[in-house]
C-alpha atoms as a PDB file:
ATOM      1  CA  UNK A   1       8.245  38.609   9.122  1.00  0.00           C
ATOM      2  CA  UNK A   2       4.944  39.599   9.546  1.00  0.00           C
ATOM      3  CA  UNK A   3       3.143  42.980   9.616  1.00  0.00           C
ATOM      4  CA  UNK A   4       0.010  40.787  10.397  1.00  0.00           C
ATOM      5  CA  UNK A   5      -2.497  42.160  12.926  1.00  0.00           C
ATOM      6  CA  UNK A   6      -2.029  44.713  15.771  1.00  0.00           C
ATOM      7  CA  UNK A   7       1.383  43.691  16.618  1.00  0.00           C
ATOM      8  CA  UNK A   8       2.689  44.068  12.974  1.00  0.00           C
ATOM      9  CA  UNK A   9       1.044  47.644  12.850  1.00  0.00           C
ATOM     10  CA  UNK A  10       2.642  48.697  15.863  1.00  0.00           C
ATOM     11  CA  UNK A  11       6.018  48.115  14.413  1.00  0.00           C
ATOM     12  CA  UNK A  12       5.578  50.646  11.733  1.00  0.00           C
ATOM     13  CA  UNK A  13       6.735  53.470  13.856  1.00  0.00           C
ATOM     14  CA  UNK A  14      10.040  51.672  14.899  1.00  0.00           C
ATOM     15  CA  UNK A  15      10.886  49.887  11.659  1.00  0.00           C
ATOM     16  CA  UNK A  16      12.805  52.747   9.897  1.00  0.00           C
ATOM     17  CA  UNK A  17      15.003  52.957  13.030  1.00  0.00           C
ATOM     18  CA  UNK A  18      15.594  49.246  13.276  1.00  0.00           C
ATOM     19  CA  UNK A  19      16.228  49.090   9.371  1.00  0.00           C
ATOM     20  CA  UNK A  20      18.816  51.944   9.857  1.00  0.00           C
ATOM     21  CA  UNK A  21      20.552  49.900  12.316  1.00  0.00           C
ATOM     22  CA  UNK A  22      20.552  46.908  10.006  1.00  0.00           C
ATOM     23  CA  UNK A  23      22.422  49.107   7.335  1.00  0.00           C
ATOM     24  CA  UNK A  24      25.470  49.534   9.321  1.00  0.00           C
ATOM     25  CA  UNK A  25      26.040  46.240  11.123  1.00  0.00           C
ATOM     26  CA  UNK A  26      25.324  42.656  10.791  1.00  0.00           C
ATOM     27  CA  UNK A  27      24.246  40.084  13.412  1.00  0.00           C
ATOM     28  CA  UNK A  28      25.738  36.618  13.474  1.00  0.00           C
ATOM     29  CA  UNK A  29      22.424  35.425  14.989  1.00  0.00           C
ATOM     30  CA  UNK A  30      19.356  36.757  13.320  1.00  0.00           C
ATOM     31  CA  UNK A  31      17.453  38.873  15.975  1.00  0.00           C
ATOM     32  CA  UNK A  32      13.708  38.148  16.501  1.00  0.00           C
ATOM     33  CA  UNK A  33      12.683  41.563  15.644  1.00  0.00           C
ATOM     34  CA  UNK A  34      14.368  41.555  12.220  1.00  0.00           C
ATOM     35  CA  UNK A  35      12.228  38.456  11.509  1.00  0.00           C
ATOM     36  CA  UNK A  36       9.077  40.326  12.469  1.00  0.00           C
ATOM     37  CA  UNK A  37       9.589  43.296  10.228  1.00  0.00           C
ATOM     38  CA  UNK A  38       9.019  41.252   6.957  1.00  0.00           C
ATOM     39  CA  UNK A  39       6.291  39.211   5.649  1.00  0.00           C
ATOM     40  CA  UNK A  40       5.754  35.855   7.672  1.00  0.00           C
ATOM     41  CA  UNK A  41       6.457  33.486   4.773  1.00  0.00           C
ATOM     42  CA  UNK A  42      10.150  34.528   4.405  1.00  0.00           C
ATOM     43  CA  UNK A  43      12.064  31.438   5.415  1.00  0.00           C
ATOM     44  CA  UNK A  44      14.474  31.959   8.364  1.00  0.00           C
ATOM     45  CA  UNK A  45      14.939  28.394   9.786  1.00  0.00           C
ATOM     46  CA  UNK A  46      13.694  24.890   8.949  1.00  0.00           C
ATOM     47  CA  UNK A  47      11.436  23.217  11.680  1.00  0.00           C
ATOM     48  CA  UNK A  48      13.951  20.838  13.452  1.00  0.00           C
ATOM     49  CA  UNK A  49      13.098  17.074  13.596  1.00  0.00           C
ATOM     50  CA  UNK A  50      14.478  15.700  16.877  1.00  0.00           C
ATOM     51  CA  UNK A  51      14.617  12.177  15.242  1.00  0.00           C
ATOM     52  CA  UNK A  52      16.535  13.327  12.332  1.00  0.00           C
ATOM     53  CA  UNK A  53      18.488  16.561  13.096  1.00  0.00           C
ATOM     54  CA  UNK A  54      19.680  18.583  10.100  1.00  0.00           C
ATOM     55  CA  UNK A  55      21.298  21.745   9.268  1.00  0.00           C
ATOM     56  CA  UNK A  56      21.191  23.852   6.200  1.00  0.00           C
ATOM     57  CA  UNK A  57      24.465  25.091   4.823  1.00  0.00           C
ATOM     58  CA  UNK A  58      24.093  27.746   2.150  1.00  0.00           C
ATOM     59  CA  UNK A  59      26.486  29.729   0.045  1.00  0.00           C
ATOM     60  CA  UNK A  60      26.145  33.202  -1.617  1.00  0.00           C
ATOM     61  CA  UNK A  61      27.679  35.038  -4.500  1.00  0.00           C
ATOM     62  CA  UNK A  62      29.165  32.114  -6.550  1.00  0.00           C
ATOM     63  CA  UNK A  63      29.863  30.285  -8.523  1.00  0.00           C
ATOM     64  CA  UNK A  64      33.424  31.306  -8.381  1.00  0.00           C
ATOM     65  CA  UNK A  65      36.349  29.536 -10.107  1.00  0.00           C
ATOM     66  CA  UNK A  66      38.545  29.105  -6.973  1.00  0.00           C
ATOM     67  CA  UNK A  67      36.353  29.456  -4.108  1.00  0.00           C
ATOM     68  CA  UNK A  68      33.286  27.206  -5.277  1.00  0.00           C
ATOM     69  CA  UNK A  69      35.532  24.043  -6.001  1.00  0.00           C
ATOM     70  CA  UNK A  70      37.164  24.473  -2.524  1.00  0.00           C
ATOM     71  CA  UNK A  71      33.666  24.458  -0.861  1.00  0.00           C
ATOM     72  CA  UNK A  72      32.464  21.555  -2.985  1.00  0.00           C
ATOM     73  CA  UNK A  73      35.699  19.471  -1.913  1.00  0.00           C
ATOM     74  CA  UNK A  74      34.950  20.033   1.783  1.00  0.00           C
ATOM     75  CA  UNK A  75      31.487  19.110   1.274  1.00  0.00           C
ATOM     76  CA  UNK A  76      32.395  15.902  -0.481  1.00  0.00           C
ATOM     77  CA  UNK A  77      34.857  15.205   2.334  1.00  0.00           C
ATOM     78  CA  UNK A  78      32.064  15.412   4.836  1.00  0.00           C
ATOM     79  CA  UNK A  79      29.387  13.717   3.007  1.00  0.00           C
ATOM     80  CA  UNK A  80      27.476  17.005   3.073  1.00  0.00           C
ATOM     81  CA  UNK A  81      25.108  18.822   0.755  1.00  0.00           C
ATOM     82  CA  UNK A  82      24.440  22.587   0.447  1.00  0.00           C
ATOM     83  CA  UNK A  83      22.372  25.315  -1.359  1.00  0.00           C
ATOM     84  CA  UNK A  84      24.246  27.636  -3.474  1.00  0.00           C
ATOM     85  CA  UNK A  85      22.547  31.042  -4.063  1.00  0.00           C
ATOM     86  CA  UNK A  86      24.246  32.141  -7.305  1.00  0.00           C
ATOM     87  CA  UNK A  87      24.561  35.401  -9.385  1.00  0.00           C
ATOM     88  CA  UNK A  88      23.183  35.224 -12.942  1.00  0.00           C
ATOM     89  CA  UNK A  89      26.315  36.795 -14.319  1.00  0.00           C
ATOM     90  CA  UNK A  90      28.584  34.218 -12.588  1.00  0.00           C
ATOM     91  CA  UNK A  91      26.531  31.325 -13.805  1.00  0.00           C
ATOM     92  CA  UNK A  92      27.038  32.666 -17.402  1.00  0.00           C
ATOM     93  CA  UNK A  93      30.788  32.915 -16.995  1.00  0.00           C
ATOM     94  CA  UNK A  94      31.155  29.645 -15.336  1.00  0.00           C
ATOM     95  CA  UNK A  95      28.348  27.268 -16.659  1.00  0.00           C
ATOM     96  CA  UNK A  96      30.171  24.097 -16.329  1.00  0.00           C
ATOM     97  CA  UNK A  97      30.765  24.993 -12.614  1.00  0.00           C
ATOM     98  CA  UNK A  98      27.253  25.768 -11.971  1.00  0.00           C
ATOM     99  CA  UNK A  99      26.437  22.331 -13.698  1.00  0.00           C
ATOM    100  CA  UNK A 100      28.759  20.683 -11.134  1.00  0.00           C
ATOM    101  CA  UNK A 101      26.962  21.986  -8.218  1.00  0.00           C
ATOM    102  CA  UNK A 102      23.666  20.237  -9.613  1.00  0.00           C
ATOM    103  CA  UNK A 103      25.554  17.004 -10.617  1.00  0.00           C
ATOM    104  CA  UNK A 104      26.962  16.608  -7.192  1.00  0.00           C
ATOM    105  CA  UNK A 105      23.515  16.802  -5.563  1.00  0.00           C
ATOM    106  CA  UNK A 106      23.473  20.418  -4.243  1.00  0.00           C
ATOM    107  CA  UNK A 107      20.617  22.767  -4.842  1.00  0.00           C
ATOM    108  CA  UNK A 108      20.874  26.181  -6.264  1.00  0.00           C
ATOM    109  CA  UNK A 109      19.051  29.493  -5.866  1.00  0.00           C
ATOM    110  CA  UNK A 110      18.677  32.976  -7.461  1.00  0.00           C
ATOM    111  CA  UNK A 111      20.545  35.710  -5.790  1.00  0.00           C
ATOM    112  CA  UNK A 112      19.622  38.336  -8.538  1.00  0.00           C
ATOM    113  CA  UNK A 113      21.776  38.776 -11.747  1.00  0.00           C
ATOM    114  CA  UNK A 114      24.402  41.171 -10.458  1.00  0.00           C
ATOM    115  CA  UNK A 115      23.970  41.392  -6.531  1.00  0.00           C
ATOM    116  CA  UNK A 116      21.311  44.068  -6.481  1.00  0.00           C
ATOM    117  CA  UNK A 117      20.492  45.810  -3.277  1.00  0.00           C
ATOM    118  CA  UNK A 118      16.648  45.688  -3.073  1.00  0.00           C
ATOM    119  CA  UNK A 119      16.712  48.893  -0.955  1.00  0.00           C
ATOM    120  CA  UNK A 120      18.532  50.993  -3.583  1.00  0.00           C
ATOM    121  CA  UNK A 121      16.559  50.075  -6.753  1.00  0.00           C
ATOM    122  CA  UNK A 122      12.943  50.428  -7.813  1.00  0.00           C
ATOM    123  CA  UNK A 123      10.806  47.237  -7.316  1.00  0.00           C
ATOM    124  CA  UNK A 124      10.223  46.876 -11.111  1.00  0.00           C
ATOM    125  CA  UNK A 125      14.125  47.062 -11.779  1.00  0.00           C
ATOM    126  CA  UNK A 126      14.678  44.709  -8.883  1.00  0.00           C
ATOM    127  CA  UNK A 127      12.031  42.038 -10.180  1.00  0.00           C
ATOM    128  CA  UNK A 128      13.690  42.563 -13.744  1.00  0.00           C
ATOM    129  CA  UNK A 129      17.020  41.600 -12.494  1.00  0.00           C
ATOM    130  CA  UNK A 130      15.734  38.502 -10.674  1.00  0.00           C
ATOM    131  CA  UNK A 131      14.186  37.269 -13.991  1.00  0.00           C
ATOM    132  CA  UNK A 132      17.370  37.987 -15.956  1.00  0.00           C
ATOM    133  CA  UNK A 133      19.309  35.808 -13.471  1.00  0.00           C
ATOM    134  CA  UNK A 134      16.442  33.227 -13.748  1.00  0.00           C
ATOM    135  CA  UNK A 135      17.346  32.628 -17.432  1.00  0.00           C
ATOM    136  CA  UNK A 136      20.383  30.702 -16.050  1.00  0.00           C
ATOM    137  CA  UNK A 137      19.308  29.674 -12.549  1.00  0.00           C
ATOM    138  CA  UNK A 138      16.225  27.299 -12.888  1.00  0.00           C
ATOM    139  CA  UNK A 139      15.160  27.468  -9.212  1.00  0.00           C
ATOM    140  CA  UNK A 140      12.231  28.619  -7.040  1.00  0.00           C
ATOM    141  CA  UNK A 141      14.608  29.661  -4.327  1.00  0.00           C
ATOM    142  CA  UNK A 142      15.576  33.282  -3.924  1.00  0.00           C
ATOM    143  CA  UNK A 143      17.870  35.100  -1.503  1.00  0.00           C
ATOM    144  CA  UNK A 144      18.071  38.901  -1.555  1.00  0.00           C
ATOM    145  CA  UNK A 145      21.795  40.187  -1.714  1.00  0.00           C
ATOM    146  CA  UNK A 146      22.761  41.667   1.674  1.00  0.00           C
ATOM    147  CA  UNK A 147      19.290  40.227   3.052  1.00  0.00           C
ATOM    148  CA  UNK A 148      18.107  43.872   2.161  1.00  0.00           C
ATOM    149  CA  UNK A 149      14.795  43.662   0.547  1.00  0.00           C
ATOM    150  CA  UNK A 150      11.823  46.096   0.702  1.00  0.00           C
ATOM    151  CA  UNK A 151       8.697  44.642   2.439  1.00  0.00           C
ATOM    152  CA  UNK A 152       6.834  45.370  -0.996  1.00  0.00           C
ATOM    153  CA  UNK A 153       9.213  43.325  -2.814  1.00  0.00           C
ATOM    154  CA  UNK A 154       9.074  40.386  -0.201  1.00  0.00           C
ATOM    155  CA  UNK A 155       5.265  40.532  -0.301  1.00  0.00           C
ATOM    156  CA  UNK A 156       5.236  40.207  -4.166  1.00  0.00           C
ATOM    157  CA  UNK A 157       7.647  37.287  -4.204  1.00  0.00           C
ATOM    158  CA  UNK A 158       5.784  35.390  -1.663  1.00  0.00           C
ATOM    159  CA  UNK A 159       2.430  36.463  -2.337  1.00  0.00           C
ATOM    160  CA  UNK A 160      -0.672  34.527  -3.832  1.00  0.00           C
ATOM    161  CA  UNK A 161       0.133  33.044  -7.075  1.00  0.00           C
ATOM    162  CA  UNK A 162       3.866  33.244  -6.762  1.00  0.00           C
ATOM    163  CA  UNK A 163       6.054  30.079  -6.696  1.00  0.00           C
ATOM    164  CA  UNK A 164       9.090  31.815  -5.079  1.00  0.00           C
ATOM    165  CA  UNK A 165      10.520  30.696  -1.671  1.00  0.00           C
ATOM    166  CA  UNK A 166      12.488  33.575  -0.093  1.00  0.00           C
ATOM    167  CA  UNK A 167      15.244  31.982   1.980  1.00  0.00           C
ATOM    168  CA  UNK A 168      16.908  34.289   4.506  1.00  0.00           C
ATOM    169  CA  UNK A 169      19.124  32.826   7.526  1.00  0.00           C
ATOM    170  CA  UNK A 170      19.479  31.961  11.016  1.00  0.00           C
ATOM    171  CA  UNK A 171      23.260  32.154  11.475  1.00  0.00           C
ATOM    172  CA  UNK A 172      25.709  34.309   9.495  1.00  0.00           C
ATOM    173  CA  UNK A 173      29.315  33.260   9.461  1.00  0.00           C
ATOM    174  CA  UNK A 174      30.756  36.685   8.774  1.00  0.00           C
ATOM    175  CA  UNK A 175      33.217  35.148   6.264  1.00  0.00           C
ATOM    176  CA  UNK A 176      32.746  38.353   4.146  1.00  0.00           C
ATOM    177  CA  UNK A 177      34.106  40.395   6.893  1.00  0.00           C
ATOM    178  CA  UNK A 178      37.823  41.070   6.425  1.00  0.00           C
ATOM    179  CA  UNK A 179      38.220  42.382  10.040  1.00  0.00           C
ATOM    180  CA  UNK A 180      37.657  39.120  11.710  1.00  0.00           C
ATOM    181  CA  UNK A 181      39.899  36.123  11.841  1.00  0.00           C
ATOM    182  CA  UNK A 182      39.020  32.498  10.399  1.00  0.00           C
ATOM    183  CA  UNK A 183      38.954  31.424  14.057  1.00  0.00           C
ATOM    184  CA  UNK A 184      36.289  34.108  14.749  1.00  0.00           C
ATOM    185  CA  UNK A 185      34.416  32.984  11.687  1.00  0.00           C
ATOM    186  CA  UNK A 186      34.270  29.411  13.030  1.00  0.00           C
ATOM    187  CA  UNK A 187      33.169  30.431  16.462  1.00  0.00           C
ATOM    188  CA  UNK A 188      30.416  32.573  15.034  1.00  0.00           C
ATOM    189  CA  UNK A 189      28.843  29.565  13.631  1.00  0.00           C
ATOM    190  CA  UNK A 190      29.596  26.898  16.299  1.00  0.00           C
ATOM    191  CA  UNK A 191      28.239  29.303  18.904  1.00  0.00           C
ATOM    192  CA  UNK A 192      24.762  29.436  17.249  1.00  0.00           C
ATOM    193  CA  UNK A 193      24.098  26.637  14.894  1.00  0.00           C
ATOM    194  CA  UNK A 194      21.320  24.067  15.941  1.00  0.00           C
ATOM    195  CA  UNK A 195      19.277  21.729  14.036  1.00  0.00           C
ATOM    196  CA  UNK A 196      17.068  23.503  11.774  1.00  0.00           C
ATOM    197  CA  UNK A 197      19.560  26.448  11.307  1.00  0.00           C
ATOM    198  CA  UNK A 198      20.232  28.014   7.967  1.00  0.00           C
ATOM    199  CA  UNK A 199      23.824  29.199   7.925  1.00  0.00           C
ATOM    200  CA  UNK A 200      25.487  31.515   5.322  1.00  0.00           C
ATOM    201  CA  UNK A 201      28.949  31.194   3.938  1.00  0.00           C
ATOM    202  CA  UNK A 202      30.057  32.765   0.709  1.00  0.00           C
ATOM    203  CA  UNK A 203      31.896  31.090  -2.254  1.00  0.00           C
ATOM    204  CA  UNK A 204      33.797  34.291  -3.141  1.00  0.00           C
ATOM    205  CA  UNK A 205      37.305  35.587  -3.294  1.00  0.00           C
ATOM    206  CA  UNK A 206      36.918  38.072  -0.418  1.00  0.00           C
ATOM    207  CA  UNK A 207      35.295  35.235   1.935  1.00  0.00           C
ATOM    208  CA  UNK A 208      37.769  32.635   0.906  1.00  0.00           C
ATOM    209  CA  UNK A 209      40.448  32.820   3.716  1.00  0.00           C
ATOM    210  CA  UNK A 210      37.742  32.448   6.423  1.00  0.00           C
ATOM    211  CA  UNK A 211      35.182  30.154   4.625  1.00  0.00           C
ATOM    212  CA  UNK A 212      37.914  27.709   3.781  1.00  0.00           C
ATOM    213  CA  UNK A 213      39.014  27.433   7.368  1.00  0.00           C
ATOM    214  CA  UNK A 214      35.487  27.495   8.967  1.00  0.00           C
ATOM    215  CA  UNK A 215      33.545  25.252   6.670  1.00  0.00           C
ATOM    216  CA  UNK A 216      35.265  21.897   7.197  1.00  0.00           C
ATOM    217  CA  UNK A 217      35.514  22.450  10.902  1.00  0.00           C
ATOM    218  CA  UNK A 218      31.649  23.431  11.005  1.00  0.00           C
ATOM    219  CA  UNK A 219      30.828  20.180   9.070  1.00  0.00           C
ATOM    220  CA  UNK A 220      33.058  18.033  11.435  1.00  0.00           C
ATOM    221  CA  UNK A 221      31.285  19.617  14.373  1.00  0.00           C
ATOM    222  CA  UNK A 222      27.880  18.911  12.871  1.00  0.00           C
ATOM    223  CA  UNK A 223      28.903  15.300  12.157  1.00  0.00           C
ATOM    224  CA  UNK A 224      29.995  14.922  15.815  1.00  0.00           C
ATOM    225  CA  UNK A 225      26.678  16.063  16.939  1.00  0.00           C
ATOM    226  CA  UNK A 226      24.891  13.716  14.642  1.00  0.00           C
ATOM    227  CA  UNK A 227      23.375  16.671  12.463  1.00  0.00           C
ATOM    228  CA  UNK A 228      23.215  15.992   8.759  1.00  0.00           C
ATOM    229  CA  UNK A 229      24.036  18.959   6.453  1.00  0.00           C
ATOM    230  CA  UNK A 230      21.404  18.822   3.677  1.00  0.00           C
ATOM    231  CA  UNK A 231      19.875  21.206   0.996  1.00  0.00           C
ATOM    232  CA  UNK A 232      17.071  23.529   1.610  1.00  0.00           C
ATOM    233  CA  UNK A 233      13.870  21.333   1.241  1.00  0.00           C
ATOM    234  CA  UNK A 234      10.946  21.873  -1.095  1.00  0.00           C
END
């Protein structure tokens, strides 16, 4: 989300207020202004191909010994592939499950070692945590936990000489939100998903009741629309 040119500079006065709002809520559909706060090279959507429409289902926080196998089964049932942004500590605890993700044709990404909030730690500590996770997660994809990353951190990760691709999202299912029903979680996605959308679910214990209800129905909806669920492309 760019701070490029006069428009980006004009945002500087309102960015603190906007980000303060972001701290206390979440948006199912990512607002345009949020994309404009960060460096332009962050990936929020994938350009849609009308001849071969695709959607990009992603998972955060795994692998988890219960939630991840359930997600994998639903993906197999619908012939879908997904991208799993994993925590380094969970990969260390469940290496066989991590390998299963790769063996089944899914893609993985780095989600820090232990779910660090980039707004709450110094940049050096944040990068060290990412590199710690990278010892177990061999990937050039990164997603910041909570979506909270300083612009300085994002610029370094996406700057010249860096191989990282920072993947954000277009649609947030809200499966982590224990105050919503599984049906609401499903509706969150169905309302906004379109070809090119990057959608977030979580393969975690907290999200499981809503994820395991919504995921197969979202995948079925996409198949009915003729949209293929695939991994984040290179």
